[in-house]
Amino acid sequence: MGGRMSTEAAWGFGYPASWAQALQVRQRNAALVAAWVRVRADIRAQADAEWRRVVPRGAGPVIGVHLRGTDKFVMPKVPPARYYALIDAFMERHGGGGAAGAPGPLIYLATDDATYQAAVVRRYGAHRVAQLFDGRVSRATGKQAIWKTRGSADDASAHSRGLEVLLDTLLLARCDFLLKPASSVSEFALYFNPRLVNHSFDFELEGQPEPEWARGRTARA
């Protein structure tokens, strides 16, 4: 191999199945990302500006919520209802549920699924759910993956969707806590911000410890 690390050795196959495996994989991959991945300056600046816009001064903390729908097939889908108990606990812990315009905890929602998006906004209210471009991003419904849809200008459309995913990943990485399924999008949020490894909950990991503010909530989810 001439000293070069293969893709298999660097990233492994599939997603970790247990919390113990996840710790090892995430620590290694975060180090690799820090050493080798550089996001373009203009994209970092766009992420900075979008974060300032969707998380106003005085708001927070922010819980990141990544919901993977439509094309998820390697592992079972995790529907929004599974997330609600932990989101509720986070909001209660940090004084959520205030009136529109009042400072307080926020949800940063990233999802490819329009149905999932609507469910979360309906439950928590648009004033508590921050989204990239105020939710005006490409999403799909049903089983049709958003990346499979084609527009009149395929190259431009593909670039736009790719940028949205990268920005969502960078903004999830800025959250104070992250709820996630098995997905490369939210996995990379952990790699960009390794602090989140111990400030996240993955619904598809065996032995994942509950956050201290949500003891017993996952069992009821």
N, C-alpha and C. Protein backbone atom coordinates (compact mmCIF):
# COMPACT_ATOMS: atom_id res chain seq x y z
N MET A 1 0.83 -1.21 0.00
CA MET A 1 0.00 0.00 0.00
C MET A 1 0.86 1.26 0.00
N GLY A 2 2.16 1.11 0.14
CA GLY A 2 3.05 2.25 0.03
C GLY A 2 2.81 3.31 1.08
N GLY A 3 2.32 2.91 2.24
CA GLY A 3 2.11 3.88 3.31
C GLY A 3 0.79 4.63 3.22
N ARG A 4 0.04 4.42 2.15
CA ARG A 4 -1.25 5.11 2.02
C ARG A 4 -2.33 4.32 2.73
N MET A 5 -3.20 5.04 3.42
CA MET A 5 -4.30 4.38 4.11
C MET A 5 -5.44 4.13 3.13
N SER A 6 -5.90 2.90 3.03
CA SER A 6 -7.00 2.60 2.13
C SER A 6 -8.29 3.18 2.66
N THR A 7 -9.26 3.33 1.77
CA THR A 7 -10.58 3.81 2.19
C THR A 7 -11.20 2.87 3.21
N GLU A 8 -11.00 1.56 3.00
CA GLU A 8 -11.58 0.60 3.93
C GLU A 8 -10.99 0.75 5.32
N ALA A 9 -9.67 0.91 5.39
CA ALA A 9 -9.03 1.04 6.70
C ALA A 9 -9.40 2.35 7.36
N ALA A 10 -9.58 3.40 6.55
CA ALA A 10 -9.87 4.72 7.13
C ALA A 10 -11.27 4.81 7.67
N TRP A 11 -12.26 4.32 6.89
CA TRP A 11 -13.64 4.58 7.24
C TRP A 11 -14.40 3.34 7.68
N GLY A 12 -13.92 2.17 7.37
CA GLY A 12 -14.62 0.96 7.77
C GLY A 12 -15.84 0.72 6.89
N PHE A 13 -16.58 -0.33 7.19
CA PHE A 13 -17.76 -0.68 6.42
C PHE A 13 -19.01 -0.32 7.22
N GLY A 14 -19.95 0.35 6.57
CA GLY A 14 -21.23 0.62 7.19
C GLY A 14 -21.13 1.51 8.41
N TYR A 15 -22.15 1.42 9.26
CA TYR A 15 -22.23 2.24 10.46
C TYR A 15 -21.91 1.38 11.69
N PRO A 16 -21.37 1.99 12.73
CA PRO A 16 -21.13 1.21 13.95
C PRO A 16 -22.45 0.73 14.54
N ALA A 17 -22.40 -0.45 15.15
CA ALA A 17 -23.62 -1.04 15.70
C ALA A 17 -23.79 -0.75 17.18
N SER A 18 -22.70 -0.47 17.88
CA SER A 18 -22.77 -0.27 19.33
C SER A 18 -22.10 1.04 19.71
N TRP A 19 -22.40 1.50 20.91
CA TRP A 19 -21.80 2.73 21.42
C TRP A 19 -20.29 2.59 21.53
N ALA A 20 -19.80 1.44 21.96
CA ALA A 20 -18.36 1.23 22.09
C ALA A 20 -17.68 1.34 20.73
N GLN A 21 -18.27 0.73 19.70
CA GLN A 21 -17.71 0.83 18.36
C GLN A 21 -17.77 2.27 17.86
N ALA A 22 -18.87 2.95 18.14
CA ALA A 22 -19.03 4.31 17.66
C ALA A 22 -17.97 5.24 18.25
N LEU A 23 -17.67 5.09 19.51
CA LEU A 23 -16.63 5.93 20.13
C LEU A 23 -15.31 5.80 19.39
N GLN A 24 -14.93 4.57 19.11
CA GLN A 24 -13.65 4.32 18.44
C GLN A 24 -13.65 4.90 17.02
N VAL A 25 -14.73 4.61 16.27
CA VAL A 25 -14.81 5.07 14.89
C VAL A 25 -14.85 6.60 14.82
N ARG A 26 -15.63 7.21 15.68
CA ARG A 26 -15.82 8.65 15.62
C ARG A 26 -14.56 9.40 16.04
N GLN A 27 -13.86 8.91 17.03
CA GLN A 27 -12.61 9.56 17.42
C GLN A 27 -11.59 9.49 16.30
N ARG A 28 -11.51 8.33 15.65
CA ARG A 28 -10.57 8.17 14.54
C ARG A 28 -10.96 9.05 13.36
N ASN A 29 -12.22 9.03 13.00
CA ASN A 29 -12.65 9.77 11.82
C ASN A 29 -12.61 11.28 12.04
N ALA A 30 -12.88 11.72 13.26
CA ALA A 30 -12.76 13.15 13.55
C ALA A 30 -11.32 13.62 13.37
N ALA A 31 -10.37 12.78 13.76
CA ALA A 31 -8.95 13.13 13.58
C ALA A 31 -8.60 13.18 12.09
N LEU A 32 -9.14 12.25 11.31
CA LEU A 32 -8.89 12.25 9.87
C LEU A 32 -9.49 13.49 9.20
N VAL A 33 -10.70 13.85 9.59
CA VAL A 33 -11.34 15.04 9.03
C VAL A 33 -10.54 16.29 9.38
N ALA A 34 -10.11 16.38 10.64
CA ALA A 34 -9.34 17.55 11.05
C ALA A 34 -8.03 17.66 10.27
N ALA A 35 -7.44 16.52 9.93
CA ALA A 35 -6.16 16.53 9.24
C ALA A 35 -6.29 16.77 7.74
N TRP A 36 -7.39 16.28 7.13
CA TRP A 36 -7.43 16.23 5.68
C TRP A 36 -8.58 16.97 5.02
N VAL A 37 -9.62 17.32 5.74
CA VAL A 37 -10.79 17.93 5.11
C VAL A 37 -10.77 19.44 5.33
N ARG A 38 -10.90 20.19 4.26
CA ARG A 38 -10.96 21.64 4.32
C ARG A 38 -12.19 22.11 3.55
N VAL A 39 -13.12 22.74 4.26
CA VAL A 39 -14.29 23.31 3.62
C VAL A 39 -13.91 24.67 3.05
N ARG A 40 -14.34 24.93 1.83
CA ARG A 40 -14.01 26.19 1.18
C ARG A 40 -14.43 27.39 2.01
N ALA A 41 -13.63 28.44 1.95
CA ALA A 41 -13.86 29.62 2.77
C ALA A 41 -15.22 30.25 2.50
N ASP A 42 -15.65 30.28 1.25
CA ASP A 42 -16.95 30.90 0.94
C ASP A 42 -18.10 30.09 1.51
N ILE A 43 -17.95 28.75 1.56
CA ILE A 43 -19.00 27.93 2.14
C ILE A 43 -19.01 28.08 3.66
N ARG A 44 -17.83 28.15 4.29
CA ARG A 44 -17.78 28.41 5.74
C ARG A 44 -18.44 29.74 6.06
N ALA A 45 -18.19 30.75 5.24
CA ALA A 45 -18.78 32.07 5.47
C ALA A 45 -20.30 32.01 5.33
N GLN A 46 -20.78 31.24 4.37
CA GLN A 46 -22.23 31.09 4.20
C GLN A 46 -22.84 30.39 5.40
N ALA A 47 -22.15 29.38 5.91
CA ALA A 47 -22.64 28.68 7.10
C ALA A 47 -22.66 29.63 8.31
N ASP A 48 -21.62 30.45 8.45
CA ASP A 48 -21.57 31.42 9.54
C ASP A 48 -22.76 32.37 9.48
N ALA A 49 -23.02 32.90 8.29
CA ALA A 49 -24.10 33.86 8.13
C ALA A 49 -25.46 33.22 8.38
N GLU A 50 -25.62 31.99 7.91
CA GLU A 50 -26.91 31.32 8.09
C GLU A 50 -27.15 30.99 9.55
N TRP A 51 -26.11 30.60 10.27
CA TRP A 51 -26.26 30.31 11.70
C TRP A 51 -26.66 31.56 12.47
N ARG A 52 -26.01 32.68 12.17
CA ARG A 52 -26.37 33.94 12.84
C ARG A 52 -27.81 34.32 12.55
N ARG A 53 -28.28 33.99 11.37
CA ARG A 53 -29.63 34.37 10.98
C ARG A 53 -30.68 33.49 11.65
N VAL A 54 -30.46 32.17 11.68
CA VAL A 54 -31.49 31.27 12.19
C VAL A 54 -31.43 31.09 13.70
N VAL A 55 -30.29 31.42 14.31
CA VAL A 55 -30.16 31.36 15.77
C VAL A 55 -29.87 32.78 16.26
N PRO A 56 -30.90 33.56 16.52
CA PRO A 56 -30.70 34.97 16.89
C PRO A 56 -30.00 35.11 18.23
N ARG A 57 -29.39 36.26 18.43
CA ARG A 57 -28.69 36.54 19.69
C ARG A 57 -29.66 36.38 20.86
N GLY A 58 -29.21 35.69 21.90
CA GLY A 58 -30.04 35.47 23.08
C GLY A 58 -30.82 34.16 23.05
N ALA A 59 -30.89 33.53 21.88
CA ALA A 59 -31.58 32.24 21.80
C ALA A 59 -30.62 31.12 22.15
N GLY A 60 -31.19 29.96 22.39
CA GLY A 60 -30.36 28.81 22.67
C GLY A 60 -30.57 28.30 24.08
N PRO A 61 -30.02 27.15 24.40
CA PRO A 61 -29.19 26.30 23.54
C PRO A 61 -30.00 25.69 22.40
N VAL A 62 -29.28 25.02 21.50
CA VAL A 62 -29.88 24.48 20.29
C VAL A 62 -29.69 22.97 20.25
N ILE A 63 -30.78 22.25 20.03
CA ILE A 63 -30.69 20.81 19.83
C ILE A 63 -30.81 20.53 18.33
N GLY A 64 -29.82 19.87 17.79
CA GLY A 64 -29.85 19.49 16.38
C GLY A 64 -30.66 18.21 16.21
N VAL A 65 -31.52 18.20 15.22
CA VAL A 65 -32.37 17.04 14.95
C VAL A 65 -32.21 16.67 13.48
N HIS A 66 -31.60 15.51 13.23
CA HIS A 66 -31.46 15.04 11.86
C HIS A 66 -32.38 13.85 11.66
N LEU A 67 -33.29 13.99 10.70
CA LEU A 67 -34.25 12.94 10.37
C LEU A 67 -33.99 12.48 8.95
N ARG A 68 -33.70 11.22 8.80
CA ARG A 68 -33.43 10.66 7.47
C ARG A 68 -34.64 9.85 7.03
N GLY A 69 -35.25 10.25 5.94
CA GLY A 69 -36.41 9.54 5.44
C GLY A 69 -36.18 9.11 4.00
N THR A 70 -37.17 9.19 3.18
CA THR A 70 -37.20 8.87 1.75
C THR A 70 -36.34 7.67 1.37
N ASP A 71 -35.03 7.87 1.14
CA ASP A 71 -34.22 6.80 0.56
C ASP A 71 -33.52 5.93 1.59
N LYS A 72 -33.80 6.08 2.87
CA LYS A 72 -33.10 5.29 3.89
C LYS A 72 -33.55 3.83 3.80
N PHE A 73 -32.58 2.93 3.57
CA PHE A 73 -32.94 1.52 3.42
C PHE A 73 -31.93 0.57 4.04
N VAL A 74 -30.69 1.02 4.30
CA VAL A 74 -29.69 0.13 4.89
C VAL A 74 -30.11 -0.29 6.29
N MET A 75 -30.66 0.65 7.04
CA MET A 75 -31.18 0.37 8.38
C MET A 75 -32.59 0.94 8.45
N PRO A 76 -33.40 0.50 9.43
CA PRO A 76 -34.79 0.99 9.49
C PRO A 76 -34.85 2.50 9.67
N LYS A 77 -35.89 3.10 9.11
CA LYS A 77 -36.11 4.52 9.31
C LYS A 77 -36.46 4.78 10.78
N VAL A 78 -36.06 5.95 11.27
CA VAL A 78 -36.41 6.37 12.62
C VAL A 78 -37.38 7.55 12.47
N PRO A 79 -38.66 7.34 12.69
CA PRO A 79 -39.65 8.40 12.43
C PRO A 79 -39.59 9.51 13.47
N PRO A 80 -40.17 10.66 13.17
CA PRO A 80 -40.12 11.78 14.12
C PRO A 80 -40.65 11.44 15.51
N ALA A 81 -41.67 10.60 15.60
CA ALA A 81 -42.25 10.28 16.90
C ALA A 81 -41.22 9.69 17.87
N ARG A 82 -40.19 8.99 17.36
CA ARG A 82 -39.15 8.45 18.22
C ARG A 82 -38.30 9.55 18.85
N TYR A 83 -38.26 10.70 18.22
CA TYR A 83 -37.44 11.80 18.69
C TYR A 83 -38.14 12.66 19.76
N TYR A 84 -39.45 12.63 19.77
CA TYR A 84 -40.19 13.63 20.53
C TYR A 84 -39.88 13.62 22.02
N ALA A 85 -39.76 12.44 22.62
CA ALA A 85 -39.52 12.40 24.06
C ALA A 85 -38.21 13.10 24.43
N LEU A 86 -37.16 12.91 23.63
CA LEU A 86 -35.88 13.55 23.92
C LEU A 86 -35.92 15.04 23.60
N ILE A 87 -36.57 15.41 22.51
CA ILE A 87 -36.71 16.84 22.23
C ILE A 87 -37.49 17.52 23.34
N ASP A 88 -38.60 16.91 23.76
CA ASP A 88 -39.40 17.48 24.84
C ASP A 88 -38.57 17.66 26.11
N ALA A 89 -37.78 16.64 26.46
CA ALA A 89 -36.95 16.72 27.67
C ALA A 89 -35.93 17.85 27.57
N PHE A 90 -35.33 18.00 26.40
CA PHE A 90 -34.35 19.07 26.20
C PHE A 90 -35.01 20.44 26.33
N MET A 91 -36.16 20.60 25.71
CA MET A 91 -36.85 21.88 25.76
C MET A 91 -37.30 22.20 27.19
N GLU A 92 -37.80 21.20 27.88
CA GLU A 92 -38.22 21.40 29.28
C GLU A 92 -37.04 21.77 30.16
N ARG A 93 -35.93 21.08 29.96
CA ARG A 93 -34.74 21.33 30.78
C ARG A 93 -34.24 22.76 30.61
N HIS A 94 -34.38 23.29 29.40
CA HIS A 94 -33.83 24.61 29.12
C HIS A 94 -34.89 25.69 29.00
N GLY A 95 -36.07 25.43 29.53
CA GLY A 95 -37.09 26.46 29.59
C GLY A 95 -37.80 26.72 28.30
N GLY A 96 -38.04 25.68 27.52
CA GLY A 96 -38.68 25.85 26.22
C GLY A 96 -40.17 26.06 26.34
N GLY A 97 -40.79 26.25 25.19
CA GLY A 97 -42.24 26.39 25.15
C GLY A 97 -42.71 27.82 25.27
N GLY A 98 -41.80 28.80 25.17
CA GLY A 98 -42.19 30.20 25.28
C GLY A 98 -42.95 30.68 24.07
N ALA A 99 -43.40 31.92 24.15
CA ALA A 99 -44.17 32.51 23.05
C ALA A 99 -43.27 32.81 21.86
N ALA A 100 -43.90 33.01 20.72
CA ALA A 100 -43.15 33.34 19.52
C ALA A 100 -42.37 34.62 19.74
N GLY A 101 -41.11 34.61 19.33
CA GLY A 101 -40.25 35.78 19.49
C GLY A 101 -39.49 35.81 20.80
N ALA A 102 -39.88 34.95 21.77
CA ALA A 102 -39.18 34.93 23.05
C ALA A 102 -37.91 34.12 22.94
N PRO A 103 -36.81 34.58 23.60
CA PRO A 103 -35.58 33.80 23.56
C PRO A 103 -35.75 32.48 24.30
N GLY A 104 -34.99 31.52 23.94
CA GLY A 104 -35.09 30.22 24.57
C GLY A 104 -34.47 29.17 23.70
N PRO A 105 -34.61 27.89 24.07
CA PRO A 105 -34.00 26.82 23.30
C PRO A 105 -34.65 26.69 21.92
N LEU A 106 -33.85 26.25 20.98
CA LEU A 106 -34.31 26.06 19.61
C LEU A 106 -34.01 24.64 19.14
N ILE A 107 -34.74 24.23 18.12
CA ILE A 107 -34.48 22.98 17.41
C ILE A 107 -33.91 23.36 16.06
N TYR A 108 -32.72 22.82 15.72
CA TYR A 108 -32.25 22.98 14.34
C TYR A 108 -32.58 21.69 13.61
N LEU A 109 -33.47 21.79 12.63
CA LEU A 109 -33.99 20.62 11.93
C LEU A 109 -33.33 20.47 10.57
N ALA A 110 -32.80 19.27 10.32
CA ALA A 110 -32.26 18.92 9.01
C ALA A 110 -32.90 17.61 8.59
N THR A 111 -33.55 17.60 7.43
CA THR A 111 -34.17 16.38 6.95
C THR A 111 -34.36 16.45 5.44
N ASP A 112 -34.29 15.29 4.80
CA ASP A 112 -34.55 15.19 3.37
C ASP A 112 -36.02 14.93 3.08
N ASP A 113 -36.82 14.76 4.13
CA ASP A 113 -38.19 14.27 3.99
C ASP A 113 -39.19 15.37 4.34
N ALA A 114 -39.99 15.80 3.37
CA ALA A 114 -40.95 16.89 3.58
C ALA A 114 -42.01 16.50 4.60
N THR A 115 -42.38 15.24 4.65
CA THR A 115 -43.37 14.79 5.62
C THR A 115 -42.83 14.88 7.04
N TYR A 116 -41.59 14.48 7.24
CA TYR A 116 -40.96 14.59 8.55
C TYR A 116 -40.83 16.05 8.97
N GLN A 117 -40.43 16.90 8.03
CA GLN A 117 -40.30 18.33 8.33
C GLN A 117 -41.63 18.89 8.84
N ALA A 118 -42.70 18.61 8.12
CA ALA A 118 -44.01 19.13 8.49
C ALA A 118 -44.44 18.65 9.87
N ALA A 119 -44.13 17.41 10.20
CA ALA A 119 -44.52 16.85 11.49
C ALA A 119 -43.82 17.57 12.64
N VAL A 120 -42.54 17.85 12.50
CA VAL A 120 -41.79 18.51 13.57
C VAL A 120 -42.24 19.96 13.73
N VAL A 121 -42.42 20.67 12.63
CA VAL A 121 -42.88 22.06 12.71
C VAL A 121 -44.27 22.13 13.31
N ARG A 122 -45.12 21.20 12.94
CA ARG A 122 -46.48 21.18 13.49
C ARG A 122 -46.47 20.96 15.00
N ARG A 123 -45.58 20.11 15.48
CA ARG A 123 -45.55 19.81 16.91
C ARG A 123 -44.94 20.93 17.74
N TYR A 124 -43.85 21.55 17.25
CA TYR A 124 -43.11 22.50 18.08
C TYR A 124 -43.29 23.96 17.67
N GLY A 125 -43.87 24.20 16.51
CA GLY A 125 -44.10 25.57 16.08
C GLY A 125 -42.92 26.12 15.30
N ALA A 126 -43.23 26.91 14.28
CA ALA A 126 -42.17 27.44 13.42
C ALA A 126 -41.21 28.34 14.18
N HIS A 127 -41.66 28.98 15.26
CA HIS A 127 -40.79 29.89 16.01
C HIS A 127 -39.73 29.14 16.81
N ARG A 128 -39.90 27.83 17.00
CA ARG A 128 -38.92 27.03 17.74
C ARG A 128 -38.09 26.14 16.82
N VAL A 129 -38.43 26.06 15.55
CA VAL A 129 -37.74 25.16 14.64
C VAL A 129 -36.95 25.98 13.62
N ALA A 130 -35.64 26.02 13.80
CA ALA A 130 -34.75 26.70 12.85
C ALA A 130 -34.40 25.75 11.72
N GLN A 131 -34.36 26.28 10.50
CA GLN A 131 -34.04 25.46 9.34
C GLN A 131 -33.20 26.24 8.35
N LEU A 132 -32.36 25.56 7.64
CA LEU A 132 -31.57 26.16 6.58
C LEU A 132 -32.51 26.86 5.59
N PHE A 133 -32.19 28.12 5.29
CA PHE A 133 -32.98 28.91 4.33
C PHE A 133 -34.46 28.92 4.71
N ASP A 134 -34.72 28.91 6.03
CA ASP A 134 -36.11 28.91 6.53
C ASP A 134 -36.93 27.75 5.96
N GLY A 135 -36.27 26.64 5.70
CA GLY A 135 -36.96 25.45 5.23
C GLY A 135 -37.15 25.39 3.73
N ARG A 136 -36.69 26.42 3.03
CA ARG A 136 -36.85 26.43 1.56
C ARG A 136 -35.68 25.70 0.91
N VAL A 137 -35.63 24.40 1.13
CA VAL A 137 -34.58 23.56 0.57
C VAL A 137 -35.22 22.38 -0.14
N SER A 138 -34.43 21.66 -0.90
CA SER A 138 -34.94 20.51 -1.65
C SER A 138 -35.30 19.37 -0.69
N ARG A 139 -36.51 18.87 -0.80
CA ARG A 139 -36.94 17.72 0.00
C ARG A 139 -37.78 16.80 -0.89
N ALA A 140 -37.96 15.60 -0.44
CA ALA A 140 -38.77 14.65 -1.18
C ALA A 140 -39.79 14.02 -0.24
N THR A 141 -40.71 13.29 -0.80
CA THR A 141 -41.70 12.56 -0.02
C THR A 141 -41.70 11.10 -0.47
N GLY A 142 -42.26 10.25 0.37
CA GLY A 142 -42.36 8.84 0.02
C GLY A 142 -41.00 8.17 -0.05
N LYS A 143 -40.82 7.30 -1.02
CA LYS A 143 -39.60 6.52 -1.14
C LYS A 143 -38.64 7.07 -2.18
N GLN A 144 -39.01 8.16 -2.85
CA GLN A 144 -38.15 8.71 -3.89
C GLN A 144 -37.08 9.58 -3.28
N ALA A 145 -35.83 9.17 -3.37
CA ALA A 145 -34.72 9.92 -2.80
C ALA A 145 -34.58 11.27 -3.48
N ILE A 146 -34.28 12.31 -2.70
CA ILE A 146 -34.14 13.63 -3.29
C ILE A 146 -33.01 13.68 -4.30
N TRP A 147 -31.96 12.89 -4.09
CA TRP A 147 -30.84 12.93 -5.02
C TRP A 147 -31.18 12.25 -6.35
N LYS A 148 -32.30 11.51 -6.39
CA LYS A 148 -32.70 10.88 -7.64
C LYS A 148 -33.57 11.79 -8.51
N THR A 149 -34.09 12.86 -7.93
CA THR A 149 -34.95 13.75 -8.70
C THR A 149 -34.10 14.55 -9.67
N ARG A 150 -34.67 14.85 -10.82
CA ARG A 150 -33.93 15.56 -11.86
C ARG A 150 -34.72 16.79 -12.30
N GLY A 151 -33.99 17.88 -12.48
CA GLY A 151 -34.62 19.09 -12.96
C GLY A 151 -34.21 19.37 -14.38
N SER A 152 -34.56 20.56 -14.85
CA SER A 152 -34.23 20.92 -16.23
C SER A 152 -32.75 21.19 -16.39
N ALA A 153 -32.09 21.60 -15.29
CA ALA A 153 -30.64 21.86 -15.33
C ALA A 153 -29.99 20.96 -14.30
N ASP A 154 -29.71 19.72 -14.71
CA ASP A 154 -29.28 18.69 -13.76
C ASP A 154 -28.03 19.08 -12.99
N ASP A 155 -27.04 19.63 -13.66
CA ASP A 155 -25.79 19.96 -13.00
C ASP A 155 -26.00 21.02 -11.92
N ALA A 156 -26.73 22.07 -12.26
CA ALA A 156 -26.99 23.13 -11.30
C ALA A 156 -27.83 22.62 -10.13
N SER A 157 -28.83 21.80 -10.43
CA SER A 157 -29.69 21.26 -9.40
C SER A 157 -28.91 20.35 -8.45
N ALA A 158 -28.05 19.51 -9.01
CA ALA A 158 -27.24 18.62 -8.17
C ALA A 158 -26.30 19.41 -7.28
N HIS A 159 -25.69 20.47 -7.83
CA HIS A 159 -24.79 21.30 -7.03
C HIS A 159 -25.55 21.97 -5.89
N SER A 160 -26.74 22.46 -6.18
CA SER A 160 -27.54 23.12 -5.15
C SER A 160 -27.91 22.16 -4.03
N ARG A 161 -28.32 20.95 -4.38
CA ARG A 161 -28.68 19.97 -3.35
C ARG A 161 -27.46 19.57 -2.54
N GLY A 162 -26.32 19.41 -3.20
CA GLY A 162 -25.10 19.06 -2.47
C GLY A 162 -24.70 20.15 -1.49
N LEU A 163 -24.82 21.41 -1.91
CA LEU A 163 -24.49 22.54 -1.03
C LEU A 163 -25.42 22.57 0.17
N GLU A 164 -26.70 22.32 -0.06
CA GLU A 164 -27.65 22.31 1.06
C GLU A 164 -27.28 21.25 2.09
N VAL A 165 -26.89 20.07 1.62
CA VAL A 165 -26.51 19.00 2.55
C VAL A 165 -25.27 19.38 3.34
N LEU A 166 -24.28 19.95 2.67
CA LEU A 166 -23.05 20.35 3.37
C LEU A 166 -23.35 21.44 4.39
N LEU A 167 -24.16 22.43 4.04
CA LEU A 167 -24.50 23.49 4.99
C LEU A 167 -25.28 22.92 6.17
N ASP A 168 -26.22 22.01 5.92
CA ASP A 168 -26.94 21.38 7.02
C ASP A 168 -25.96 20.65 7.95
N THR A 169 -24.99 19.96 7.39
CA THR A 169 -24.00 19.25 8.20
C THR A 169 -23.20 20.21 9.06
N LEU A 170 -22.76 21.31 8.47
CA LEU A 170 -21.97 22.30 9.22
C LEU A 170 -22.80 22.96 10.33
N LEU A 171 -24.08 23.18 10.07
CA LEU A 171 -24.93 23.80 11.09
C LEU A 171 -25.30 22.80 12.19
N LEU A 172 -25.52 21.54 11.83
CA LEU A 172 -25.73 20.52 12.87
C LEU A 172 -24.52 20.43 13.79
N ALA A 173 -23.32 20.62 13.21
CA ALA A 173 -22.10 20.54 14.00
C ALA A 173 -21.99 21.67 15.02
N ARG A 174 -22.77 22.74 14.86
CA ARG A 174 -22.71 23.87 15.78
C ARG A 174 -23.71 23.75 16.93
N CYS A 175 -24.56 22.74 16.89
CA CYS A 175 -25.59 22.59 17.91
C CYS A 175 -24.97 22.16 19.24
N ASP A 176 -25.74 22.36 20.30
CA ASP A 176 -25.27 21.98 21.64
C ASP A 176 -25.48 20.50 21.92
N PHE A 177 -26.46 19.92 21.26
CA PHE A 177 -26.72 18.48 21.39
C PHE A 177 -27.31 18.04 20.07
N LEU A 178 -27.08 16.77 19.70
CA LEU A 178 -27.51 16.27 18.40
C LEU A 178 -28.26 14.95 18.54
N LEU A 179 -29.45 14.88 17.97
CA LEU A 179 -30.21 13.64 17.86
C LEU A 179 -30.11 13.17 16.42
N LYS A 180 -29.83 11.88 16.21
CA LYS A 180 -29.53 11.43 14.86
C LYS A 180 -29.89 9.96 14.64
N PRO A 181 -30.06 9.56 13.39
CA PRO A 181 -30.11 8.16 13.01
C PRO A 181 -28.75 7.74 12.48
N ALA A 182 -28.66 6.55 11.95
CA ALA A 182 -27.45 6.14 11.22
C ALA A 182 -27.47 6.86 9.87
N SER A 183 -26.57 7.81 9.68
CA SER A 183 -26.54 8.60 8.45
C SER A 183 -25.21 9.29 8.33
N SER A 184 -24.67 9.34 7.14
CA SER A 184 -23.39 10.00 6.92
C SER A 184 -23.47 11.50 7.17
N VAL A 185 -24.63 12.10 6.93
CA VAL A 185 -24.76 13.54 7.13
C VAL A 185 -24.49 13.91 8.58
N SER A 186 -25.22 13.32 9.50
CA SER A 186 -25.03 13.67 10.91
C SER A 186 -23.78 13.02 11.50
N GLU A 187 -23.30 11.92 10.90
CA GLU A 187 -22.00 11.39 11.33
C GLU A 187 -20.90 12.43 11.09
N PHE A 188 -20.94 13.06 9.91
CA PHE A 188 -19.91 14.06 9.62
C PHE A 188 -20.06 15.29 10.49
N ALA A 189 -21.25 15.60 10.96
CA ALA A 189 -21.40 16.69 11.93
C ALA A 189 -20.58 16.39 13.17
N LEU A 190 -20.58 15.12 13.60
CA LEU A 190 -19.76 14.72 14.75
C LEU A 190 -18.28 14.84 14.45
N TYR A 191 -17.88 14.52 13.23
CA TYR A 191 -16.46 14.59 12.87
C TYR A 191 -15.99 16.05 12.81
N PHE A 192 -16.86 16.95 12.33
CA PHE A 192 -16.51 18.36 12.28
C PHE A 192 -16.46 18.97 13.69
N ASN A 193 -17.22 18.40 14.62
CA ASN A 193 -17.23 18.90 16.00
C ASN A 193 -17.19 17.72 16.95
N PRO A 194 -16.00 17.19 17.27
CA PRO A 194 -15.89 15.99 18.10
C PRO A 194 -16.51 16.12 19.49
N ARG A 195 -16.71 17.34 19.98
CA ARG A 195 -17.38 17.52 21.26
C ARG A 195 -18.76 16.87 21.27
N LEU A 196 -19.39 16.83 20.09
CA LEU A 196 -20.73 16.26 19.99
C LEU A 196 -20.75 14.74 20.15
N VAL A 197 -19.60 14.10 20.05
CA VAL A 197 -19.58 12.64 20.24
C VAL A 197 -20.20 12.28 21.58
N ASN A 198 -19.91 13.06 22.61
CA ASN A 198 -20.47 12.82 23.94
C ASN A 198 -21.65 13.74 24.25
N HIS A 199 -22.12 14.44 23.25
CA HIS A 199 -23.30 15.29 23.40
C HIS A 199 -24.26 15.00 22.23
N SER A 200 -24.55 13.73 22.05
CA SER A 200 -25.44 13.31 20.98
C SER A 200 -26.12 12.01 21.39
N PHE A 201 -27.19 11.70 20.66
CA PHE A 201 -27.88 10.43 20.87
C PHE A 201 -28.23 9.85 19.51
N ASP A 202 -27.75 8.65 19.26
CA ASP A 202 -27.98 7.94 18.01
C ASP A 202 -28.99 6.83 18.28
N PHE A 203 -30.16 6.92 17.66
CA PHE A 203 -31.24 5.97 17.94
C PHE A 203 -30.93 4.55 17.48
N GLU A 204 -29.89 4.37 16.70
CA GLU A 204 -29.62 3.05 16.15
C GLU A 204 -28.35 2.42 16.71
N LEU A 205 -27.85 2.94 17.83
CA LEU A 205 -26.68 2.36 18.49
C LEU A 205 -27.09 1.55 19.71
N GLU A 206 -26.61 0.33 19.78
CA GLU A 206 -26.83 -0.49 20.97
C GLU A 206 -25.97 0.05 22.11
N GLY A 207 -26.58 0.22 23.29
CA GLY A 207 -25.83 0.66 24.46
C GLY A 207 -25.54 2.14 24.50
N GLN A 208 -26.20 2.93 23.67
CA GLN A 208 -26.01 4.38 23.70
C GLN A 208 -26.50 4.93 25.04
N PRO A 209 -25.67 5.61 25.82
CA PRO A 209 -26.13 6.17 27.09
C PRO A 209 -27.09 7.32 26.87
N GLU A 210 -28.11 7.40 27.71
CA GLU A 210 -29.05 8.51 27.65
C GLU A 210 -28.41 9.77 28.19
N PRO A 211 -28.75 10.94 27.67
CA PRO A 211 -28.30 12.18 28.30
C PRO A 211 -28.90 12.30 29.70
N GLU A 212 -28.19 12.94 30.61
CA GLU A 212 -28.64 12.98 32.00
C GLU A 212 -29.97 13.71 32.14
N TRP A 213 -30.30 14.62 31.23
CA TRP A 213 -31.56 15.37 31.31
C TRP A 213 -32.75 14.61 30.73
N ALA A 214 -32.49 13.38 30.29
CA ALA A 214 -33.57 12.60 29.65
C ALA A 214 -33.62 11.18 30.17
N ARG A 215 -33.28 10.97 31.43
CA ARG A 215 -33.27 9.61 31.98
C ARG A 215 -34.65 8.95 31.84
N GLY A 216 -34.68 7.77 31.21
CA GLY A 216 -35.90 7.02 31.05
C GLY A 216 -36.76 7.41 29.88
N ARG A 217 -36.42 8.51 29.21
CA ARG A 217 -37.25 8.97 28.10
C ARG A 217 -37.14 8.06 26.89
N THR A 218 -35.94 7.56 26.61
CA THR A 218 -35.78 6.75 25.40
C THR A 218 -36.54 5.44 25.52
N ALA A 219 -36.68 4.92 26.73
CA ALA A 219 -37.41 3.67 26.90
C ALA A 219 -38.89 3.84 26.56
N ARG A 220 -39.39 5.09 26.73
CA ARG A 220 -40.79 5.34 26.43
C ARG A 220 -41.00 5.83 25.01
N ALA A 221 -39.90 6.10 24.30
CA ALA A 221 -40.03 6.68 22.95
C ALA A 221 -40.52 5.64 21.96
